[in-house]
């Protein structure tokens, strides 16, 4: 069966798979060729599949999995990181998580600066209005 894992920015995996294991709110499940049509929301988890006898992995930040025609599995996720072994995948996911956390901190600081500048401008405008008698 064909496995395709996509994010808004890229196609992370597009290859043949012999079987697949994933996890949704009800627990872990497996998919093999010929599976009935299926749609589910995936939890933040690791999806594993066998391709050419090798097990591969992909860390997902949630997503939606669909099975169509018994031969196509498509996963759409906000973020996905594929790897050949769990140790390497773990290290890469941790690195990305830390980078995301750093970016979020910088964005938060910049947002706070913008808010403070807006407040300063409002206060300055109110003071000017009070000095000229506009707000009596």
N, C-alpha and C. Protein backbone atom coordinates (compact mmCIF):
# COMPACT_ATOMS: atom_id res chain seq x y z
N UNK A 1 0.85 -1.18 0.00
CA UNK A 1 0.00 0.00 0.00
C UNK A 1 0.89 1.24 0.00
N UNK A 2 0.35 2.34 -0.43
CA UNK A 2 1.11 3.59 -0.51
C UNK A 2 0.88 4.40 0.76
N UNK A 3 1.97 4.87 1.37
CA UNK A 3 1.91 5.71 2.57
C UNK A 3 2.41 7.09 2.21
N UNK A 4 1.63 8.08 2.56
CA UNK A 4 2.01 9.47 2.31
C UNK A 4 1.74 10.27 3.58
N UNK A 5 2.80 10.90 4.12
CA UNK A 5 2.68 11.75 5.31
C UNK A 5 3.06 13.16 4.88
N UNK A 6 2.14 14.09 5.09
CA UNK A 6 2.36 15.47 4.65
C UNK A 6 2.13 16.45 5.79
N UNK A 7 2.83 17.58 5.70
CA UNK A 7 2.61 18.72 6.59
C UNK A 7 2.21 19.89 5.70
N UNK A 8 1.83 21.01 6.28
CA UNK A 8 1.49 22.16 5.43
C UNK A 8 2.65 22.61 4.54
N UNK A 9 3.88 22.29 4.93
CA UNK A 9 5.04 22.78 4.19
C UNK A 9 5.77 21.74 3.35
N UNK A 10 5.52 20.44 3.59
CA UNK A 10 6.30 19.45 2.85
C UNK A 10 5.64 18.07 2.84
N UNK A 11 6.14 17.24 1.93
CA UNK A 11 5.80 15.82 1.91
C UNK A 11 6.94 15.13 2.65
N UNK A 12 6.64 14.58 3.81
CA UNK A 12 7.67 13.99 4.67
C UNK A 12 7.95 12.55 4.26
N UNK A 13 6.91 11.80 3.92
CA UNK A 13 7.06 10.40 3.52
C UNK A 13 6.14 10.15 2.32
N UNK A 14 6.65 9.46 1.33
CA UNK A 14 5.85 9.03 0.18
C UNK A 14 6.49 7.74 -0.33
N UNK A 15 6.03 6.60 0.20
CA UNK A 15 6.65 5.31 -0.14
C UNK A 15 5.67 4.18 0.07
N UNK A 16 6.04 3.00 -0.40
CA UNK A 16 5.23 1.81 -0.19
C UNK A 16 5.44 1.30 1.22
N UNK A 17 4.37 0.76 1.81
CA UNK A 17 4.44 0.20 3.16
C UNK A 17 3.71 -1.13 3.19
N UNK A 18 4.27 -2.08 3.93
CA UNK A 18 3.65 -3.39 4.07
C UNK A 18 2.61 -3.39 5.17
N UNK A 19 2.85 -2.60 6.21
CA UNK A 19 1.91 -2.47 7.33
C UNK A 19 2.21 -1.17 8.06
N UNK A 20 1.26 -0.72 8.88
CA UNK A 20 1.41 0.53 9.60
C UNK A 20 0.77 0.42 10.97
N UNK A 21 1.40 1.05 11.98
CA UNK A 21 0.82 1.13 13.33
C UNK A 21 0.74 2.60 13.69
N UNK A 22 -0.41 2.99 14.26
CA UNK A 22 -0.62 4.38 14.66
C UNK A 22 -1.47 4.40 15.93
N UNK A 23 -1.72 5.60 16.44
CA UNK A 23 -2.46 5.73 17.70
C UNK A 23 -3.44 6.89 17.59
N UNK A 24 -4.69 6.62 18.01
CA UNK A 24 -5.69 7.67 18.10
C UNK A 24 -6.25 7.68 19.53
N UNK A 25 -7.34 8.38 19.76
CA UNK A 25 -7.89 8.51 21.12
C UNK A 25 -8.32 7.16 21.70
N UNK A 26 -8.66 6.19 20.84
CA UNK A 26 -9.11 4.89 21.33
C UNK A 26 -7.96 3.93 21.59
N UNK A 27 -6.75 4.29 21.18
CA UNK A 27 -5.59 3.44 21.41
C UNK A 27 -4.82 3.19 20.13
N UNK A 28 -4.00 2.14 20.17
CA UNK A 28 -3.14 1.80 19.05
C UNK A 28 -3.89 0.89 18.08
N UNK A 29 -3.59 1.04 16.80
CA UNK A 29 -4.24 0.21 15.79
C UNK A 29 -3.26 -0.06 14.64
N UNK A 30 -3.58 -1.08 13.85
CA UNK A 30 -2.75 -1.43 12.72
C UNK A 30 -3.52 -1.38 11.42
N UNK A 31 -2.80 -1.17 10.33
CA UNK A 31 -3.40 -1.13 9.00
C UNK A 31 -2.52 -1.96 8.07
N UNK A 32 -3.19 -2.82 7.28
CA UNK A 32 -2.50 -3.63 6.27
C UNK A 32 -3.20 -3.41 4.93
N UNK A 33 -2.57 -3.79 3.84
CA UNK A 33 -3.22 -3.64 2.54
C UNK A 33 -4.60 -4.30 2.53
N UNK A 34 -5.56 -3.66 1.87
CA UNK A 34 -6.92 -4.19 1.82
C UNK A 34 -7.80 -3.69 2.96
N UNK A 35 -7.28 -2.84 3.82
CA UNK A 35 -8.05 -2.30 4.95
C UNK A 35 -9.29 -1.56 4.44
N UNK A 36 -10.35 -1.62 5.21
CA UNK A 36 -11.58 -0.90 4.87
C UNK A 36 -11.33 0.61 4.91
N UNK A 37 -12.14 1.39 4.21
CA UNK A 37 -12.01 2.85 4.30
C UNK A 37 -12.06 3.28 5.77
N UNK A 38 -11.23 4.23 6.13
CA UNK A 38 -11.04 4.57 7.54
C UNK A 38 -10.62 6.02 7.64
N UNK A 39 -11.10 6.68 8.68
CA UNK A 39 -10.73 8.08 8.96
C UNK A 39 -10.64 8.23 10.47
N UNK A 40 -9.54 8.80 10.96
CA UNK A 40 -9.40 9.02 12.39
C UNK A 40 -8.47 10.20 12.66
N UNK A 41 -8.67 10.81 13.83
CA UNK A 41 -7.77 11.88 14.29
C UNK A 41 -6.67 11.23 15.11
N UNK A 42 -5.44 11.55 14.80
CA UNK A 42 -4.30 10.96 15.49
C UNK A 42 -3.86 11.82 16.66
N UNK A 43 -3.39 11.15 17.70
CA UNK A 43 -2.83 11.83 18.86
C UNK A 43 -1.39 12.23 18.53
N UNK A 44 -0.79 13.05 19.37
CA UNK A 44 0.65 13.31 19.27
C UNK A 44 1.31 11.97 19.56
N UNK A 45 2.02 11.43 18.59
CA UNK A 45 2.51 10.06 18.74
C UNK A 45 3.57 9.73 17.68
N UNK A 46 4.01 8.48 17.74
CA UNK A 46 4.94 7.93 16.75
C UNK A 46 4.17 6.94 15.89
N UNK A 47 4.23 7.11 14.59
CA UNK A 47 3.67 6.15 13.64
C UNK A 47 4.83 5.27 13.17
N UNK A 48 4.58 3.97 13.09
CA UNK A 48 5.63 3.07 12.58
C UNK A 48 5.06 2.27 11.42
N UNK A 49 5.94 1.91 10.49
CA UNK A 49 5.52 1.10 9.35
C UNK A 49 6.70 0.27 8.87
N UNK A 50 6.35 -0.79 8.16
CA UNK A 50 7.38 -1.64 7.55
C UNK A 50 7.41 -1.34 6.06
N UNK A 51 8.62 -1.12 5.57
CA UNK A 51 8.83 -0.84 4.16
C UNK A 51 10.06 -1.62 3.72
N UNK A 52 9.90 -2.49 2.74
CA UNK A 52 10.99 -3.35 2.25
C UNK A 52 11.64 -4.12 3.39
N UNK A 53 10.82 -4.59 4.34
CA UNK A 53 11.31 -5.38 5.46
C UNK A 53 11.92 -4.58 6.60
N UNK A 54 12.07 -3.28 6.43
CA UNK A 54 12.65 -2.43 7.48
C UNK A 54 11.56 -1.64 8.18
N UNK A 55 11.73 -1.46 9.49
CA UNK A 55 10.77 -0.65 10.24
C UNK A 55 11.22 0.80 10.22
N UNK A 56 10.29 1.70 9.92
CA UNK A 56 10.56 3.13 9.90
C UNK A 56 9.60 3.81 10.85
N UNK A 57 9.91 5.06 11.21
CA UNK A 57 9.13 5.78 12.21
C UNK A 57 8.91 7.23 11.78
N UNK A 58 7.83 7.81 12.31
CA UNK A 58 7.58 9.23 12.09
C UNK A 58 6.88 9.79 13.32
N UNK A 59 7.48 10.82 13.91
CA UNK A 59 6.86 11.51 15.04
C UNK A 59 5.87 12.52 14.48
N UNK A 60 4.66 12.52 15.02
CA UNK A 60 3.60 13.41 14.55
C UNK A 60 3.13 14.33 15.66
N UNK A 61 2.82 15.55 15.31
CA UNK A 61 2.16 16.47 16.24
C UNK A 61 0.67 16.41 15.93
N UNK A 62 0.07 15.24 16.24
CA UNK A 62 -1.34 15.02 15.93
C UNK A 62 -1.54 14.92 14.43
N UNK A 63 -2.80 14.84 14.01
CA UNK A 63 -3.08 14.81 12.59
C UNK A 63 -4.32 14.01 12.26
N UNK A 64 -4.51 13.79 10.97
CA UNK A 64 -5.65 13.02 10.47
C UNK A 64 -5.12 11.92 9.57
N UNK A 65 -5.61 10.70 9.78
CA UNK A 65 -5.22 9.56 8.97
C UNK A 65 -6.43 9.08 8.19
N UNK A 66 -6.23 8.83 6.89
CA UNK A 66 -7.29 8.26 6.06
C UNK A 66 -6.76 7.05 5.31
N UNK A 67 -7.63 6.06 5.17
CA UNK A 67 -7.33 4.90 4.33
C UNK A 67 -8.37 4.91 3.21
N UNK A 68 -7.91 4.90 1.97
CA UNK A 68 -8.83 4.88 0.83
C UNK A 68 -8.45 3.77 -0.12
N UNK A 69 -9.46 3.11 -0.63
CA UNK A 69 -9.24 2.07 -1.63
C UNK A 69 -8.47 0.87 -1.12
N UNK A 70 -8.26 0.77 0.18
CA UNK A 70 -7.51 -0.34 0.74
C UNK A 70 -6.04 -0.35 0.37
N UNK A 71 -5.62 0.69 -0.37
CA UNK A 71 -4.23 0.69 -0.83
C UNK A 71 -3.51 2.01 -0.62
N UNK A 72 -4.19 3.00 -0.06
CA UNK A 72 -3.56 4.30 0.16
C UNK A 72 -3.83 4.77 1.59
N UNK A 73 -2.76 5.07 2.29
CA UNK A 73 -2.85 5.65 3.64
C UNK A 73 -2.25 7.05 3.56
N UNK A 74 -3.05 8.04 3.93
CA UNK A 74 -2.58 9.42 3.92
C UNK A 74 -2.68 9.98 5.33
N UNK A 75 -1.63 10.63 5.76
CA UNK A 75 -1.61 11.28 7.07
C UNK A 75 -1.26 12.75 6.85
N UNK A 76 -2.11 13.62 7.38
CA UNK A 76 -1.84 15.06 7.35
C UNK A 76 -1.61 15.50 8.79
N UNK A 77 -0.51 16.20 9.03
CA UNK A 77 -0.15 16.61 10.38
C UNK A 77 0.43 18.02 10.36
N UNK A 78 0.30 18.72 11.48
CA UNK A 78 0.91 20.06 11.59
C UNK A 78 2.42 19.97 11.47
N UNK A 79 2.97 18.92 12.06
CA UNK A 79 4.42 18.74 12.04
C UNK A 79 4.73 17.25 12.07
N UNK A 80 5.71 16.83 11.29
CA UNK A 80 6.10 15.43 11.23
C UNK A 80 7.60 15.33 11.01
N UNK A 81 8.21 14.37 11.73
CA UNK A 81 9.66 14.13 11.60
C UNK A 81 9.84 12.64 11.40
N UNK A 82 10.41 12.23 10.26
CA UNK A 82 10.60 10.82 9.96
C UNK A 82 12.03 10.39 10.29
N UNK A 83 12.17 9.09 10.61
CA UNK A 83 13.50 8.56 10.91
C UNK A 83 13.53 7.05 10.78
N UNK A 84 14.75 6.51 10.71
CA UNK A 84 14.92 5.07 10.55
C UNK A 84 15.04 4.33 11.88
N UNK A 85 15.36 5.05 12.96
CA UNK A 85 15.42 4.40 14.28
C UNK A 85 14.94 5.39 15.34
N UNK A 86 14.43 4.84 16.44
CA UNK A 86 13.82 5.67 17.47
C UNK A 86 14.82 6.57 18.19
N UNK A 87 16.05 6.11 18.38
CA UNK A 87 17.05 6.93 19.09
C UNK A 87 17.36 8.20 18.31
N UNK A 88 17.60 8.06 17.01
CA UNK A 88 17.88 9.23 16.18
C UNK A 88 16.67 10.14 16.10
N UNK A 89 15.49 9.53 15.95
CA UNK A 89 14.25 10.30 15.87
C UNK A 89 14.03 11.08 17.16
N UNK A 90 14.28 10.44 18.30
CA UNK A 90 14.11 11.10 19.60
C UNK A 90 15.01 12.33 19.70
N UNK A 91 16.25 12.19 19.30
CA UNK A 91 17.19 13.32 19.36
C UNK A 91 16.75 14.45 18.43
N UNK A 92 16.30 14.11 17.23
CA UNK A 92 15.88 15.15 16.28
C UNK A 92 14.62 15.87 16.76
N UNK A 93 13.67 15.11 17.29
CA UNK A 93 12.44 15.73 17.80
C UNK A 93 12.76 16.64 18.98
N UNK A 94 13.63 16.21 19.87
CA UNK A 94 14.02 17.03 21.02
C UNK A 94 14.69 18.32 20.55
N UNK A 95 15.58 18.23 19.57
CA UNK A 95 16.24 19.41 19.02
C UNK A 95 15.23 20.38 18.43
N UNK A 96 14.28 19.85 17.65
CA UNK A 96 13.25 20.71 17.04
C UNK A 96 12.37 21.34 18.11
N UNK A 97 12.02 20.56 19.14
CA UNK A 97 11.18 21.08 20.21
C UNK A 97 11.87 22.23 20.93
N UNK A 98 13.16 22.06 21.21
CA UNK A 98 13.91 23.13 21.88
C UNK A 98 14.01 24.36 20.99
N UNK A 99 14.22 24.17 19.69
CA UNK A 99 14.28 25.30 18.75
C UNK A 99 12.94 26.01 18.70
N UNK A 100 11.84 25.23 18.67
CA UNK A 100 10.50 25.83 18.67
C UNK A 100 10.26 26.62 19.94
N UNK A 101 10.70 26.07 21.08
CA UNK A 101 10.53 26.76 22.36
C UNK A 101 11.29 28.08 22.36
N UNK A 102 12.52 28.07 21.85
CA UNK A 102 13.31 29.31 21.77
C UNK A 102 12.62 30.33 20.87
N UNK A 103 12.12 29.89 19.71
CA UNK A 103 11.43 30.79 18.79
C UNK A 103 10.18 31.37 19.45
N UNK A 104 9.44 30.52 20.18
CA UNK A 104 8.23 30.99 20.85
C UNK A 104 8.57 32.03 21.90
N UNK A 105 9.69 31.84 22.62
CA UNK A 105 10.11 32.83 23.62
C UNK A 105 10.42 34.17 22.96
N UNK A 106 11.16 34.13 21.86
CA UNK A 106 11.51 35.36 21.14
C UNK A 106 10.24 36.04 20.64
N UNK A 107 9.32 35.26 20.06
CA UNK A 107 8.06 35.84 19.58
C UNK A 107 7.27 36.45 20.73
N UNK A 108 7.26 35.79 21.89
CA UNK A 108 6.53 36.31 23.05
C UNK A 108 7.13 37.65 23.49
N UNK A 109 8.46 37.73 23.56
CA UNK A 109 9.12 38.97 23.97
C UNK A 109 8.80 40.08 22.97
N UNK A 110 8.86 39.78 21.68
CA UNK A 110 8.55 40.79 20.66
C UNK A 110 7.10 41.25 20.77
N UNK A 111 6.19 40.32 21.02
CA UNK A 111 4.78 40.68 21.19
C UNK A 111 4.60 41.58 22.40
N UNK A 112 5.27 41.27 23.49
CA UNK A 112 5.17 42.11 24.69
C UNK A 112 5.73 43.51 24.42
N UNK A 113 6.82 43.60 23.66
CA UNK A 113 7.39 44.91 23.32
C UNK A 113 6.39 45.73 22.51
N UNK A 114 5.76 45.10 21.53
CA UNK A 114 4.76 45.80 20.72
C UNK A 114 3.60 46.28 21.57
N UNK A 115 3.14 45.43 22.48
CA UNK A 115 2.04 45.82 23.36
C UNK A 115 2.44 46.99 24.26
N UNK A 116 3.65 46.93 24.81
CA UNK A 116 4.11 48.02 25.68
C UNK A 116 4.23 49.33 24.90
N UNK A 117 4.75 49.28 23.68
CA UNK A 117 4.84 50.48 22.86
C UNK A 117 3.46 51.05 22.56
N UNK A 118 2.50 50.19 22.27
CA UNK A 118 1.13 50.65 22.01
C UNK A 118 0.54 51.31 23.25
N UNK A 119 0.77 50.72 24.42
CA UNK A 119 0.26 51.30 25.67
C UNK A 119 0.91 52.64 25.94
N UNK A 120 2.22 52.74 25.72
CA UNK A 120 2.93 54.02 25.91
C UNK A 120 2.35 55.10 25.00
N UNK A 121 2.08 54.75 23.76
CA UNK A 121 1.52 55.72 22.82
C UNK A 121 0.12 56.16 23.25
N UNK A 122 -0.69 55.22 23.75
CA UNK A 122 -2.03 55.58 24.23
C UNK A 122 -1.94 56.51 25.43
N UNK A 123 -1.06 56.18 26.37
CA UNK A 123 -0.90 57.03 27.56
C UNK A 123 -0.40 58.40 27.16
N UNK A 124 0.55 58.46 26.25
CA UNK A 124 1.08 59.74 25.78
C UNK A 124 -0.03 60.57 25.14
N UNK A 125 -0.85 59.94 24.33
CA UNK A 125 -1.98 60.64 23.70
C UNK A 125 -2.98 61.14 24.71
N UNK A 126 -3.26 60.33 25.72
CA UNK A 126 -4.19 60.75 26.77
C UNK A 126 -3.63 61.92 27.56
N UNK A 127 -2.34 61.89 27.85
CA UNK A 127 -1.72 63.00 28.59
C UNK A 127 -1.77 64.29 27.77
N UNK A 128 -1.48 64.19 26.47
CA UNK A 128 -1.54 65.39 25.62
C UNK A 128 -2.96 65.94 25.60
N UNK A 129 -3.94 65.05 25.52
CA UNK A 129 -5.34 65.49 25.52
C UNK A 129 -5.72 66.14 26.83
N UNK A 130 -5.20 65.61 27.94
CA UNK A 130 -5.50 66.19 29.26
C UNK A 130 -4.84 67.56 29.40
N UNK A 131 -3.63 67.71 28.85
CA UNK A 131 -2.92 68.99 28.93
C UNK A 131 -3.62 70.07 28.12
N UNK A 132 -4.28 69.72 27.05
CA UNK A 132 -4.94 70.71 26.20
C UNK A 132 -6.40 70.90 26.58
N UNK A 133 -6.87 70.14 27.56
CA UNK A 133 -8.24 70.29 28.01
C UNK A 133 -9.25 69.54 27.17
N UNK A 134 -8.82 68.64 26.31
CA UNK A 134 -9.74 67.90 25.45
C UNK A 134 -10.60 66.91 26.23
N UNK A 135 -10.14 66.42 27.35
CA UNK A 135 -10.85 65.34 28.05
C UNK A 135 -11.53 65.84 29.32
N UNK A 136 -12.11 67.03 29.30
CA UNK A 136 -12.82 67.54 30.48
C UNK A 136 -14.28 67.32 30.36
